[in-house]
N, C-alpha and C. Protein backbone atom coordinates (compact mmCIF):
# COMPACT_ATOMS: atom_id res chain seq x y z
N UNK A 1 80.94 -22.17 30.61
CA UNK A 1 80.20 -23.40 30.25
C UNK A 1 78.82 -23.08 29.81
N UNK A 2 78.37 -23.63 28.68
CA UNK A 2 77.06 -23.39 28.07
C UNK A 2 76.86 -21.94 27.64
N UNK A 3 77.91 -21.20 27.57
CA UNK A 3 77.81 -19.78 27.14
C UNK A 3 77.25 -19.70 25.67
N UNK A 4 77.65 -20.66 24.87
CA UNK A 4 77.17 -20.67 23.52
C UNK A 4 75.64 -20.83 23.41
N UNK A 5 75.04 -21.29 24.45
CA UNK A 5 73.62 -21.49 24.51
C UNK A 5 72.83 -20.39 25.25
N UNK A 6 73.59 -19.37 25.56
CA UNK A 6 72.95 -18.19 26.22
C UNK A 6 72.89 -18.28 27.73
N UNK A 7 73.71 -19.18 28.35
CA UNK A 7 73.78 -19.34 29.77
C UNK A 7 74.91 -18.46 30.31
N UNK A 8 74.61 -17.67 31.29
CA UNK A 8 75.59 -16.73 31.86
C UNK A 8 76.11 -17.30 33.19
N UNK A 9 77.42 -17.26 33.39
CA UNK A 9 78.00 -17.67 34.68
C UNK A 9 77.45 -18.96 35.24
N UNK A 10 77.63 -20.03 34.49
CA UNK A 10 76.95 -21.30 34.85
C UNK A 10 77.38 -21.79 36.23
N UNK A 11 78.70 -21.78 36.55
CA UNK A 11 79.12 -22.33 37.85
C UNK A 11 78.68 -21.53 38.99
N UNK A 12 78.55 -20.20 38.86
CA UNK A 12 77.94 -19.41 39.87
C UNK A 12 76.46 -19.78 40.13
N UNK A 13 75.79 -20.01 39.03
CA UNK A 13 74.41 -20.52 39.17
C UNK A 13 74.35 -21.84 39.82
N UNK A 14 75.22 -22.72 39.45
CA UNK A 14 75.24 -24.13 40.02
C UNK A 14 75.43 -24.07 41.54
N UNK A 15 76.45 -23.32 42.02
CA UNK A 15 76.70 -23.20 43.42
C UNK A 15 75.51 -22.61 44.17
N UNK A 16 74.96 -21.52 43.59
CA UNK A 16 73.82 -20.90 44.22
C UNK A 16 72.64 -21.79 44.25
N UNK A 17 72.38 -22.58 43.21
CA UNK A 17 71.28 -23.51 43.15
C UNK A 17 71.36 -24.59 44.20
N UNK A 18 72.63 -25.10 44.44
CA UNK A 18 72.84 -26.12 45.43
C UNK A 18 72.49 -25.58 46.85
N UNK A 19 72.94 -24.38 47.14
CA UNK A 19 72.62 -23.83 48.45
C UNK A 19 71.15 -23.54 48.66
N UNK A 20 70.51 -23.10 47.58
CA UNK A 20 69.09 -22.81 47.67
C UNK A 20 68.23 -24.03 47.87
N UNK A 21 68.62 -25.15 47.16
CA UNK A 21 67.90 -26.44 47.31
C UNK A 21 68.06 -26.96 48.73
N UNK A 22 69.25 -26.74 49.33
CA UNK A 22 69.50 -27.28 50.67
C UNK A 22 68.82 -26.58 51.78
N UNK A 23 68.26 -25.34 51.49
CA UNK A 23 67.55 -24.57 52.56
C UNK A 23 66.22 -25.27 52.81
N UNK A 24 65.96 -25.66 54.06
CA UNK A 24 64.67 -26.32 54.34
C UNK A 24 63.48 -25.48 54.07
N UNK A 25 62.45 -26.04 53.52
CA UNK A 25 61.24 -25.33 53.25
C UNK A 25 60.04 -26.27 53.25
N UNK A 26 58.86 -25.79 53.02
CA UNK A 26 57.68 -26.66 53.11
C UNK A 26 57.68 -27.83 52.10
N UNK A 27 58.26 -27.57 50.95
CA UNK A 27 58.30 -28.63 49.90
C UNK A 27 59.16 -29.82 50.38
N UNK A 28 60.40 -29.53 50.86
CA UNK A 28 61.25 -30.59 51.30
C UNK A 28 60.71 -31.26 52.53
N UNK A 29 60.06 -30.51 53.42
CA UNK A 29 59.48 -31.17 54.61
C UNK A 29 58.35 -32.06 54.21
N UNK A 30 57.54 -31.67 53.21
CA UNK A 30 56.42 -32.54 52.83
C UNK A 30 56.93 -33.78 52.20
N UNK A 31 57.99 -33.72 51.41
CA UNK A 31 58.57 -34.88 50.79
C UNK A 31 59.12 -35.84 51.93
N UNK A 32 59.74 -35.25 52.88
CA UNK A 32 60.27 -36.07 54.01
C UNK A 32 59.17 -36.72 54.78
N UNK A 33 58.10 -35.96 55.04
CA UNK A 33 56.96 -36.48 55.79
C UNK A 33 56.27 -37.65 55.00
N UNK A 34 56.16 -37.47 53.69
CA UNK A 34 55.58 -38.53 52.88
C UNK A 34 56.36 -39.76 52.90
N UNK A 35 57.71 -39.67 52.79
CA UNK A 35 58.52 -40.89 52.83
C UNK A 35 58.50 -41.54 54.19
N UNK A 36 58.48 -40.73 55.27
CA UNK A 36 58.41 -41.25 56.63
C UNK A 36 57.11 -41.99 56.90
N UNK A 37 56.02 -41.35 56.45
CA UNK A 37 54.72 -41.87 56.72
C UNK A 37 54.30 -43.03 55.80
N UNK A 38 54.65 -42.95 54.52
CA UNK A 38 54.14 -43.94 53.56
C UNK A 38 55.14 -44.59 52.66
N UNK A 39 56.44 -44.33 52.91
CA UNK A 39 57.44 -45.11 52.21
C UNK A 39 58.09 -44.40 51.05
N UNK A 40 59.02 -45.04 50.39
CA UNK A 40 59.79 -44.49 49.31
C UNK A 40 58.96 -44.03 48.11
N UNK A 41 58.00 -44.87 47.73
CA UNK A 41 57.11 -44.56 46.57
C UNK A 41 56.40 -43.27 46.81
N UNK A 42 55.78 -43.10 47.98
CA UNK A 42 55.07 -41.85 48.29
C UNK A 42 55.99 -40.69 48.32
N UNK A 43 57.21 -40.90 48.83
CA UNK A 43 58.17 -39.81 48.85
C UNK A 43 58.48 -39.35 47.44
N UNK A 44 58.66 -40.24 46.49
CA UNK A 44 58.92 -39.85 45.12
C UNK A 44 57.70 -39.25 44.44
N UNK A 45 56.54 -39.62 44.81
CA UNK A 45 55.29 -38.98 44.29
C UNK A 45 55.26 -37.52 44.76
N UNK A 46 55.56 -37.27 46.05
CA UNK A 46 55.63 -35.88 46.56
C UNK A 46 56.72 -35.15 45.81
N UNK A 47 57.89 -35.79 45.58
CA UNK A 47 58.99 -35.15 44.87
C UNK A 47 58.56 -34.79 43.45
N UNK A 48 57.75 -35.63 42.80
CA UNK A 48 57.33 -35.34 41.43
C UNK A 48 56.44 -34.07 41.42
N UNK A 49 55.62 -33.91 42.48
CA UNK A 49 54.79 -32.70 42.58
C UNK A 49 55.67 -31.47 42.74
N UNK A 50 56.78 -31.59 43.48
CA UNK A 50 57.71 -30.46 43.63
C UNK A 50 58.43 -30.19 42.31
N UNK A 51 58.86 -31.22 41.56
CA UNK A 51 59.54 -31.05 40.33
C UNK A 51 58.61 -30.33 39.27
N UNK A 52 57.38 -30.80 39.24
CA UNK A 52 56.44 -30.17 38.27
C UNK A 52 56.19 -28.68 38.64
N UNK A 53 55.99 -28.43 39.94
CA UNK A 53 55.73 -27.06 40.41
C UNK A 53 56.95 -26.20 40.13
N UNK A 54 58.14 -26.71 40.39
CA UNK A 54 59.36 -25.89 40.08
C UNK A 54 59.48 -25.58 38.60
N UNK A 55 59.21 -26.60 37.79
CA UNK A 55 59.30 -26.42 36.34
C UNK A 55 58.32 -25.35 35.83
N UNK A 56 57.09 -25.39 36.39
CA UNK A 56 56.10 -24.36 36.03
C UNK A 56 56.54 -22.99 36.44
N UNK A 57 57.05 -22.84 37.65
CA UNK A 57 57.50 -21.54 38.12
C UNK A 57 58.69 -21.02 37.34
N UNK A 58 59.61 -21.90 37.04
CA UNK A 58 60.77 -21.49 36.20
C UNK A 58 60.29 -21.00 34.83
N UNK A 59 59.34 -21.75 34.25
CA UNK A 59 58.81 -21.35 32.93
C UNK A 59 58.17 -19.96 33.04
N UNK A 60 57.33 -19.74 34.10
CA UNK A 60 56.66 -18.46 34.30
C UNK A 60 57.68 -17.29 34.45
N UNK A 61 58.77 -17.60 35.21
CA UNK A 61 59.77 -16.61 35.37
C UNK A 61 60.42 -16.24 34.04
N UNK A 62 60.73 -17.26 33.21
CA UNK A 62 61.29 -17.04 31.90
C UNK A 62 60.36 -16.29 30.99
N UNK A 63 59.08 -16.61 31.08
CA UNK A 63 58.03 -15.97 30.26
C UNK A 63 57.64 -14.58 30.74
N UNK A 64 58.05 -14.22 31.95
CA UNK A 64 57.72 -12.94 32.45
C UNK A 64 56.53 -12.82 33.35
N UNK A 65 55.76 -13.91 33.42
CA UNK A 65 54.57 -13.94 34.26
C UNK A 65 54.86 -13.78 35.73
N UNK A 66 55.94 -14.41 36.18
CA UNK A 66 56.31 -14.30 37.62
C UNK A 66 56.71 -12.90 37.96
N UNK A 67 57.35 -12.17 37.03
CA UNK A 67 57.70 -10.77 37.28
C UNK A 67 56.44 -9.96 37.40
N UNK A 68 55.41 -10.26 36.62
CA UNK A 68 54.13 -9.55 36.72
C UNK A 68 53.48 -9.80 38.08
N UNK A 69 53.58 -11.00 38.53
CA UNK A 69 52.99 -11.31 39.87
C UNK A 69 53.74 -10.53 40.97
N UNK A 70 55.05 -10.51 40.83
CA UNK A 70 55.87 -9.83 41.86
C UNK A 70 55.57 -8.34 41.87
N UNK A 71 55.38 -7.71 40.71
CA UNK A 71 55.19 -6.28 40.64
C UNK A 71 53.78 -5.82 40.75
N UNK A 72 52.84 -6.78 40.87
CA UNK A 72 51.47 -6.43 41.00
C UNK A 72 50.99 -6.86 42.41
N UNK A 73 50.87 -5.90 43.32
CA UNK A 73 50.56 -6.27 44.78
C UNK A 73 49.35 -7.17 44.92
N UNK A 74 48.29 -6.90 44.13
CA UNK A 74 47.09 -7.67 44.30
C UNK A 74 47.33 -9.17 43.96
N UNK A 75 48.01 -9.40 42.86
CA UNK A 75 48.28 -10.80 42.44
C UNK A 75 49.24 -11.44 43.44
N UNK A 76 50.24 -10.67 43.82
CA UNK A 76 51.23 -11.21 44.79
C UNK A 76 50.50 -11.65 46.13
N UNK A 77 49.67 -10.78 46.61
CA UNK A 77 48.97 -11.04 47.89
C UNK A 77 47.98 -12.23 47.76
N UNK A 78 47.39 -12.40 46.59
CA UNK A 78 46.51 -13.50 46.37
C UNK A 78 47.33 -14.84 46.52
N UNK A 79 48.41 -14.88 45.79
CA UNK A 79 49.30 -16.09 45.90
C UNK A 79 49.80 -16.27 47.28
N UNK A 80 50.23 -15.17 47.93
CA UNK A 80 50.76 -15.26 49.28
C UNK A 80 49.75 -15.84 50.28
N UNK A 81 48.54 -15.31 50.27
CA UNK A 81 47.56 -15.75 51.25
C UNK A 81 47.01 -17.21 50.89
N UNK A 82 46.93 -17.53 49.60
CA UNK A 82 46.58 -18.87 49.27
C UNK A 82 47.63 -19.87 49.82
N UNK A 83 48.91 -19.52 49.64
CA UNK A 83 49.93 -20.37 50.13
C UNK A 83 49.90 -20.50 51.65
N UNK A 84 49.70 -19.37 52.36
CA UNK A 84 49.64 -19.38 53.84
C UNK A 84 48.43 -20.19 54.31
N UNK A 85 47.29 -20.08 53.68
CA UNK A 85 46.09 -20.84 54.04
C UNK A 85 46.34 -22.30 53.87
N UNK A 86 46.95 -22.67 52.72
CA UNK A 86 47.13 -24.10 52.46
C UNK A 86 48.16 -24.68 53.41
N UNK A 87 49.24 -24.01 53.77
CA UNK A 87 50.19 -24.45 54.74
C UNK A 87 49.53 -24.59 56.09
N UNK A 88 48.73 -23.66 56.46
CA UNK A 88 48.01 -23.70 57.75
C UNK A 88 47.05 -24.93 57.78
N UNK A 89 46.41 -25.14 56.69
CA UNK A 89 45.50 -26.31 56.55
C UNK A 89 46.25 -27.62 56.77
N UNK A 90 47.38 -27.76 56.05
CA UNK A 90 48.18 -28.97 56.20
C UNK A 90 48.67 -29.18 57.60
N UNK A 91 49.27 -28.11 58.16
CA UNK A 91 49.83 -28.23 59.50
C UNK A 91 48.74 -28.54 60.54
N UNK A 92 47.60 -27.82 60.39
CA UNK A 92 46.47 -28.03 61.35
C UNK A 92 45.92 -29.45 61.19
N UNK A 93 45.85 -29.96 59.97
CA UNK A 93 45.36 -31.29 59.80
C UNK A 93 46.28 -32.32 60.39
N UNK A 94 47.61 -32.13 60.27
CA UNK A 94 48.55 -33.09 60.84
C UNK A 94 48.44 -33.05 62.34
N UNK A 95 48.29 -31.86 62.99
CA UNK A 95 48.19 -31.78 64.46
C UNK A 95 46.89 -32.38 64.93
N UNK A 96 45.82 -32.11 64.19
CA UNK A 96 44.55 -32.67 64.59
C UNK A 96 44.56 -34.24 64.52
N UNK A 97 45.14 -34.77 63.41
CA UNK A 97 45.23 -36.23 63.32
C UNK A 97 46.06 -36.82 64.39
N UNK A 98 47.15 -36.13 64.79
CA UNK A 98 48.10 -36.64 65.76
C UNK A 98 47.45 -36.69 67.16
N UNK A 99 46.77 -35.57 67.51
CA UNK A 99 46.36 -35.45 68.91
C UNK A 99 44.87 -35.74 69.22
N UNK A 100 44.03 -35.52 68.23
CA UNK A 100 42.60 -35.62 68.42
C UNK A 100 41.86 -36.72 67.77
N UNK A 101 42.34 -37.14 66.61
CA UNK A 101 41.63 -38.14 65.86
C UNK A 101 41.89 -39.54 66.47
N UNK A 102 40.81 -40.27 66.75
CA UNK A 102 40.95 -41.55 67.35
C UNK A 102 41.47 -42.57 66.34
N UNK A 103 42.31 -43.47 66.76
CA UNK A 103 42.91 -44.47 65.90
C UNK A 103 41.76 -45.44 65.39
N UNK A 104 41.89 -45.81 64.12
CA UNK A 104 40.89 -46.72 63.55
C UNK A 104 41.66 -47.97 63.08
N UNK A 105 40.90 -49.04 62.87
CA UNK A 105 41.57 -50.30 62.44
C UNK A 105 42.41 -50.13 61.19
N UNK A 106 41.98 -49.24 60.27
CA UNK A 106 42.71 -49.05 59.03
C UNK A 106 43.54 -47.76 59.07
N UNK A 107 43.96 -47.38 60.30
CA UNK A 107 44.68 -46.10 60.45
C UNK A 107 46.01 -46.14 59.75
N UNK A 108 46.57 -47.32 59.53
CA UNK A 108 47.87 -47.44 58.91
C UNK A 108 47.84 -47.44 57.40
N UNK A 109 46.60 -47.29 56.84
CA UNK A 109 46.45 -47.25 55.44
C UNK A 109 47.18 -46.05 54.84
N UNK A 110 47.94 -46.25 53.79
CA UNK A 110 48.72 -45.17 53.26
C UNK A 110 47.89 -44.13 52.51
N UNK A 111 48.37 -42.95 52.40
CA UNK A 111 47.71 -41.83 51.69
C UNK A 111 47.71 -42.14 50.19
N UNK A 112 46.56 -41.94 49.50
CA UNK A 112 46.57 -42.20 48.04
C UNK A 112 47.58 -41.39 47.31
N UNK A 113 48.24 -42.00 46.30
CA UNK A 113 49.30 -41.34 45.53
C UNK A 113 48.85 -40.05 44.92
N UNK A 114 47.62 -40.00 44.39
CA UNK A 114 47.17 -38.81 43.73
C UNK A 114 47.05 -37.66 44.71
N UNK A 115 46.61 -37.95 45.89
CA UNK A 115 46.51 -36.85 46.88
C UNK A 115 47.83 -36.29 47.27
N UNK A 116 48.87 -37.19 47.42
CA UNK A 116 50.23 -36.73 47.74
C UNK A 116 50.75 -35.86 46.64
N UNK A 117 50.57 -36.30 45.34
CA UNK A 117 51.05 -35.49 44.25
C UNK A 117 50.38 -34.18 44.18
N UNK A 118 49.08 -34.09 44.41
CA UNK A 118 48.37 -32.80 44.36
C UNK A 118 48.78 -31.86 45.45
N UNK A 119 48.99 -32.42 46.67
CA UNK A 119 49.39 -31.59 47.81
C UNK A 119 50.79 -30.98 47.56
N UNK A 120 51.71 -31.79 47.08
CA UNK A 120 53.05 -31.29 46.82
C UNK A 120 53.06 -30.23 45.72
N UNK A 121 52.24 -30.50 44.64
CA UNK A 121 52.17 -29.52 43.53
C UNK A 121 51.55 -28.22 44.04
N UNK A 122 50.51 -28.29 44.88
CA UNK A 122 49.88 -27.08 45.36
C UNK A 122 50.81 -26.30 46.24
N UNK A 123 51.55 -26.99 47.13
CA UNK A 123 52.56 -26.32 47.98
C UNK A 123 53.55 -25.60 47.12
N UNK A 124 54.03 -26.19 46.07
CA UNK A 124 55.03 -25.60 45.21
C UNK A 124 54.50 -24.37 44.48
N UNK A 125 53.33 -24.43 43.93
CA UNK A 125 52.77 -23.38 43.14
C UNK A 125 52.26 -22.21 43.92
N UNK A 126 51.99 -22.41 45.20
CA UNK A 126 51.47 -21.30 46.06
C UNK A 126 52.50 -20.80 46.96
N UNK A 127 53.75 -20.95 46.61
CA UNK A 127 54.89 -20.47 47.42
C UNK A 127 55.41 -19.18 46.78
N UNK A 128 55.03 -17.98 47.22
CA UNK A 128 55.51 -16.74 46.60
C UNK A 128 56.99 -16.56 46.76
N UNK A 129 57.62 -17.16 47.81
CA UNK A 129 59.05 -17.02 47.95
C UNK A 129 59.75 -17.73 46.81
N UNK A 130 59.21 -18.82 46.33
CA UNK A 130 59.78 -19.50 45.16
C UNK A 130 59.67 -18.58 43.95
N UNK A 131 58.59 -17.88 43.79
CA UNK A 131 58.37 -16.96 42.63
C UNK A 131 59.46 -15.88 42.71
N UNK A 132 59.67 -15.31 43.95
CA UNK A 132 60.66 -14.25 44.13
C UNK A 132 62.06 -14.78 43.76
N UNK A 133 62.34 -16.00 44.15
CA UNK A 133 63.63 -16.61 43.87
C UNK A 133 63.84 -16.73 42.38
N UNK A 134 62.85 -17.22 41.66
CA UNK A 134 63.06 -17.44 40.25
C UNK A 134 63.20 -16.08 39.50
N UNK A 135 62.44 -15.05 40.05
CA UNK A 135 62.57 -13.76 39.36
C UNK A 135 63.92 -13.12 39.64
N UNK A 136 64.37 -13.18 40.90
CA UNK A 136 65.59 -12.47 41.30
C UNK A 136 66.84 -13.29 41.01
N UNK A 137 66.83 -14.59 40.92
CA UNK A 137 67.99 -15.39 40.74
C UNK A 137 68.06 -16.11 39.44
N UNK A 138 67.11 -16.89 39.16
CA UNK A 138 67.13 -17.74 37.98
C UNK A 138 67.31 -16.97 36.69
N UNK A 139 66.60 -15.90 36.49
CA UNK A 139 66.61 -15.23 35.20
C UNK A 139 67.91 -14.44 34.99
N UNK A 140 68.69 -14.22 36.11
CA UNK A 140 69.94 -13.54 35.95
C UNK A 140 70.96 -14.22 35.07
N UNK A 141 70.75 -15.53 34.92
CA UNK A 141 71.78 -16.39 34.23
C UNK A 141 71.29 -16.71 32.82
N UNK A 142 70.24 -16.05 32.37
CA UNK A 142 69.80 -16.27 30.99
C UNK A 142 70.07 -15.02 30.19
N UNK A 143 70.75 -15.19 29.08
CA UNK A 143 71.07 -14.04 28.19
C UNK A 143 69.81 -13.78 27.35
N UNK A 144 69.13 -12.75 27.73
CA UNK A 144 67.87 -12.41 27.03
C UNK A 144 68.07 -12.03 25.54
N UNK A 145 69.33 -11.73 25.17
CA UNK A 145 69.58 -11.39 23.83
C UNK A 145 70.05 -12.53 22.98
N UNK A 146 70.09 -13.72 23.61
CA UNK A 146 70.46 -14.92 22.85
C UNK A 146 69.39 -15.26 21.84
N UNK A 147 69.82 -15.93 20.76
CA UNK A 147 68.85 -16.27 19.68
C UNK A 147 67.80 -17.18 20.13
N UNK A 148 68.15 -18.11 21.02
CA UNK A 148 67.12 -19.06 21.55
C UNK A 148 67.28 -19.10 23.03
N UNK A 149 66.61 -18.18 23.74
CA UNK A 149 66.72 -18.11 25.17
C UNK A 149 66.00 -19.34 25.84
N UNK A 150 65.11 -19.97 25.05
CA UNK A 150 64.43 -21.13 25.58
C UNK A 150 65.45 -22.28 25.86
N UNK A 151 66.47 -22.41 25.09
CA UNK A 151 67.49 -23.39 25.34
C UNK A 151 68.19 -23.11 26.71
N UNK A 152 68.47 -21.85 26.93
CA UNK A 152 69.09 -21.42 28.21
C UNK A 152 68.23 -21.83 29.38
N UNK A 153 66.96 -21.53 29.23
CA UNK A 153 65.99 -21.88 30.26
C UNK A 153 65.99 -23.36 30.51
N UNK A 154 66.00 -24.18 29.45
CA UNK A 154 65.94 -25.63 29.57
C UNK A 154 67.15 -26.12 30.27
N UNK A 155 68.33 -25.61 29.94
CA UNK A 155 69.58 -26.06 30.59
C UNK A 155 69.57 -25.76 32.09
N UNK A 156 69.25 -24.49 32.43
CA UNK A 156 69.24 -24.10 33.83
C UNK A 156 68.16 -24.86 34.62
N UNK A 157 66.99 -25.04 34.03
CA UNK A 157 65.91 -25.73 34.68
C UNK A 157 66.30 -27.19 34.96
N UNK A 158 66.93 -27.82 33.94
CA UNK A 158 67.34 -29.23 34.04
C UNK A 158 68.38 -29.38 35.18
N UNK A 159 69.33 -28.46 35.24
CA UNK A 159 70.33 -28.53 36.27
C UNK A 159 69.72 -28.39 37.67
N UNK A 160 68.79 -27.47 37.85
CA UNK A 160 68.13 -27.29 39.17
C UNK A 160 67.31 -28.56 39.52
N UNK A 161 66.67 -29.10 38.57
CA UNK A 161 65.83 -30.31 38.85
C UNK A 161 66.74 -31.47 39.20
N UNK A 162 67.89 -31.59 38.60
CA UNK A 162 68.81 -32.72 38.92
C UNK A 162 69.32 -32.51 40.34
N UNK A 163 69.71 -31.32 40.70
CA UNK A 163 70.14 -31.09 42.05
C UNK A 163 69.06 -31.39 43.06
N UNK A 164 67.86 -30.89 42.74
CA UNK A 164 66.70 -31.13 43.62
C UNK A 164 66.40 -32.59 43.73
N UNK A 165 66.47 -33.36 42.62
CA UNK A 165 66.21 -34.77 42.65
C UNK A 165 67.24 -35.50 43.49
N UNK A 166 68.49 -35.13 43.38
CA UNK A 166 69.51 -35.75 44.24
C UNK A 166 69.27 -35.52 45.72
N UNK A 167 68.98 -34.32 46.09
CA UNK A 167 68.78 -33.97 47.52
C UNK A 167 67.46 -34.63 48.03
N UNK A 168 66.39 -34.57 47.26
CA UNK A 168 65.15 -35.16 47.72
C UNK A 168 65.23 -36.68 47.79
N UNK A 169 66.03 -37.30 46.92
CA UNK A 169 66.25 -38.68 47.05
C UNK A 169 66.92 -39.10 48.32
N UNK A 170 67.90 -38.23 48.71
CA UNK A 170 68.52 -38.45 50.02
C UNK A 170 67.50 -38.37 51.15
N UNK A 171 66.63 -37.36 51.11
CA UNK A 171 65.64 -37.23 52.12
C UNK A 171 64.61 -38.35 52.13
N UNK A 172 64.30 -38.85 50.92
CA UNK A 172 63.27 -39.92 50.80
C UNK A 172 63.84 -41.21 51.49
N UNK A 173 65.04 -41.57 51.12
CA UNK A 173 65.61 -42.82 51.64
C UNK A 173 65.95 -42.65 53.12
N UNK A 174 66.34 -41.45 53.60
CA UNK A 174 66.51 -41.21 54.95
C UNK A 174 65.26 -41.37 55.77
N UNK A 175 64.15 -40.81 55.24
CA UNK A 175 62.86 -40.93 55.84
C UNK A 175 62.40 -42.35 55.91
N UNK A 176 62.60 -43.11 54.84
CA UNK A 176 62.21 -44.53 54.85
C UNK A 176 63.05 -45.29 55.90
N UNK A 177 64.33 -44.94 56.03
CA UNK A 177 65.20 -45.60 57.02
C UNK A 177 64.66 -45.33 58.44
N UNK A 178 64.31 -44.06 58.65
CA UNK A 178 63.81 -43.67 59.99
C UNK A 178 62.54 -44.49 60.29
N UNK A 179 61.68 -44.61 59.31
CA UNK A 179 60.45 -45.38 59.52
C UNK A 179 60.76 -46.81 59.89
N UNK A 180 61.67 -47.40 59.18
CA UNK A 180 62.09 -48.78 59.49
C UNK A 180 62.69 -48.89 60.88
N UNK A 181 63.46 -47.83 61.25
CA UNK A 181 64.14 -47.87 62.53
C UNK A 181 63.19 -47.78 63.72
N UNK A 182 62.23 -46.81 63.62
CA UNK A 182 61.33 -46.64 64.73
C UNK A 182 60.22 -47.70 64.79
N UNK A 183 59.97 -48.31 63.66
CA UNK A 183 58.99 -49.40 63.65
C UNK A 183 57.68 -48.98 64.21
N UNK A 184 57.29 -49.69 65.24
CA UNK A 184 55.97 -49.42 65.85
C UNK A 184 56.05 -48.46 67.03
N UNK A 185 57.12 -47.72 67.18
CA UNK A 185 57.25 -46.80 68.26
C UNK A 185 56.40 -45.59 68.01
N UNK A 186 55.13 -45.71 68.44
CA UNK A 186 54.14 -44.71 68.08
C UNK A 186 54.47 -43.34 68.71
N UNK A 187 55.07 -43.32 69.85
CA UNK A 187 55.39 -42.06 70.45
C UNK A 187 56.34 -41.23 69.70
N UNK A 188 57.36 -41.90 69.12
CA UNK A 188 58.33 -41.17 68.26
C UNK A 188 57.64 -40.66 67.01
N UNK A 189 56.80 -41.53 66.45
CA UNK A 189 56.06 -41.06 65.24
C UNK A 189 55.14 -39.90 65.55
N UNK A 190 54.55 -39.91 66.72
CA UNK A 190 53.66 -38.84 67.14
C UNK A 190 54.44 -37.54 67.34
N UNK A 191 55.59 -37.62 67.93
CA UNK A 191 56.45 -36.43 68.13
C UNK A 191 56.86 -35.88 66.76
N UNK A 192 57.25 -36.76 65.84
CA UNK A 192 57.72 -36.30 64.55
C UNK A 192 56.61 -35.59 63.82
N UNK A 193 55.40 -36.21 63.75
CA UNK A 193 54.27 -35.57 63.08
C UNK A 193 53.87 -34.21 63.71
N UNK A 194 54.05 -34.14 65.05
CA UNK A 194 53.70 -32.93 65.77
C UNK A 194 54.68 -31.85 65.36
N UNK A 195 55.96 -32.18 65.33
CA UNK A 195 56.98 -31.13 64.95
C UNK A 195 56.75 -30.62 63.56
N UNK A 196 56.51 -31.55 62.60
CA UNK A 196 56.30 -31.14 61.23
C UNK A 196 55.04 -30.29 61.11
N UNK A 197 53.98 -30.67 61.81
CA UNK A 197 52.76 -29.91 61.80
C UNK A 197 52.98 -28.50 62.29
N UNK A 198 53.74 -28.32 63.39
CA UNK A 198 54.01 -27.03 63.98
C UNK A 198 54.88 -26.23 63.04
N UNK A 199 55.83 -26.84 62.39
CA UNK A 199 56.71 -26.14 61.41
C UNK A 199 55.85 -25.61 60.24
N UNK A 200 54.89 -26.41 59.75
CA UNK A 200 54.00 -25.95 58.70
C UNK A 200 53.20 -24.76 59.10
N UNK A 201 52.70 -24.79 60.37
CA UNK A 201 51.92 -23.61 60.87
C UNK A 201 52.86 -22.43 60.97
N UNK A 202 54.11 -22.63 61.37
CA UNK A 202 55.07 -21.55 61.36
C UNK A 202 55.36 -20.99 60.00
N UNK A 203 55.52 -21.85 59.05
CA UNK A 203 55.69 -21.37 57.64
C UNK A 203 54.55 -20.56 57.19
N UNK A 204 53.32 -21.00 57.57
CA UNK A 204 52.08 -20.25 57.20
C UNK A 204 52.13 -18.84 57.75
N UNK A 205 52.50 -18.72 59.05
CA UNK A 205 52.58 -17.40 59.73
C UNK A 205 53.61 -16.50 59.04
N UNK A 206 54.79 -17.08 58.73
CA UNK A 206 55.81 -16.30 58.08
C UNK A 206 55.39 -15.84 56.71
N UNK A 207 54.71 -16.73 55.98
CA UNK A 207 54.28 -16.41 54.66
C UNK A 207 53.23 -15.33 54.64
N UNK A 208 52.29 -15.39 55.61
CA UNK A 208 51.27 -14.41 55.71
C UNK A 208 51.80 -13.01 56.02
N UNK A 209 52.98 -12.97 56.73
CA UNK A 209 53.59 -11.67 57.06
C UNK A 209 54.59 -11.14 56.03
N UNK A 210 54.81 -11.97 54.93
CA UNK A 210 55.78 -11.60 53.92
C UNK A 210 55.30 -10.35 53.20
N UNK A 211 56.19 -9.40 53.02
CA UNK A 211 55.88 -8.20 52.29
C UNK A 211 56.09 -8.31 50.85
N UNK A 212 55.20 -7.70 50.07
CA UNK A 212 55.30 -7.79 48.65
C UNK A 212 56.35 -6.78 48.14
């Protein structure tokens, strides 16, 4: 399928992409947190940041820039530490807000949409594991000798984004349902925010220890 457009082993790619999207990571957790905390609209804003970040990384992999980052230790380490610092910042901020920041009358005010989009995009672009994935997996299914490899890139990128959209939509509506279910049960919300904050700190630690 799509072999005439320079796509190699499409169904193998499709199955692999499904499993990769289903693996929990900071992007999916952030989308889930946004939908739980601020509703469906905020969840989709976070998802848009992930979609844009993934599209940029896929383009860089196709263009060869991602390979350069992977094979250049200095550049790889810069991306790695930036990602770890940002994850640590987000996790620490969530834990601080949950345990130490005093409640204010407008504490229930939702996070601005622009901030959610920027955070999701930054998370996506500073994830070196995503770069490694696109270099080692994504480009294997593009025939570099095809007349128009850009079409192959577009097909594979579109398929991955559709899979990601489907899964993230499930997370968004699940998160919104959880929010509706727990209502004003602040203790449950506090536990949820604490767990996500700790997981983000854990992701930061793992990312900092990642070898180039």
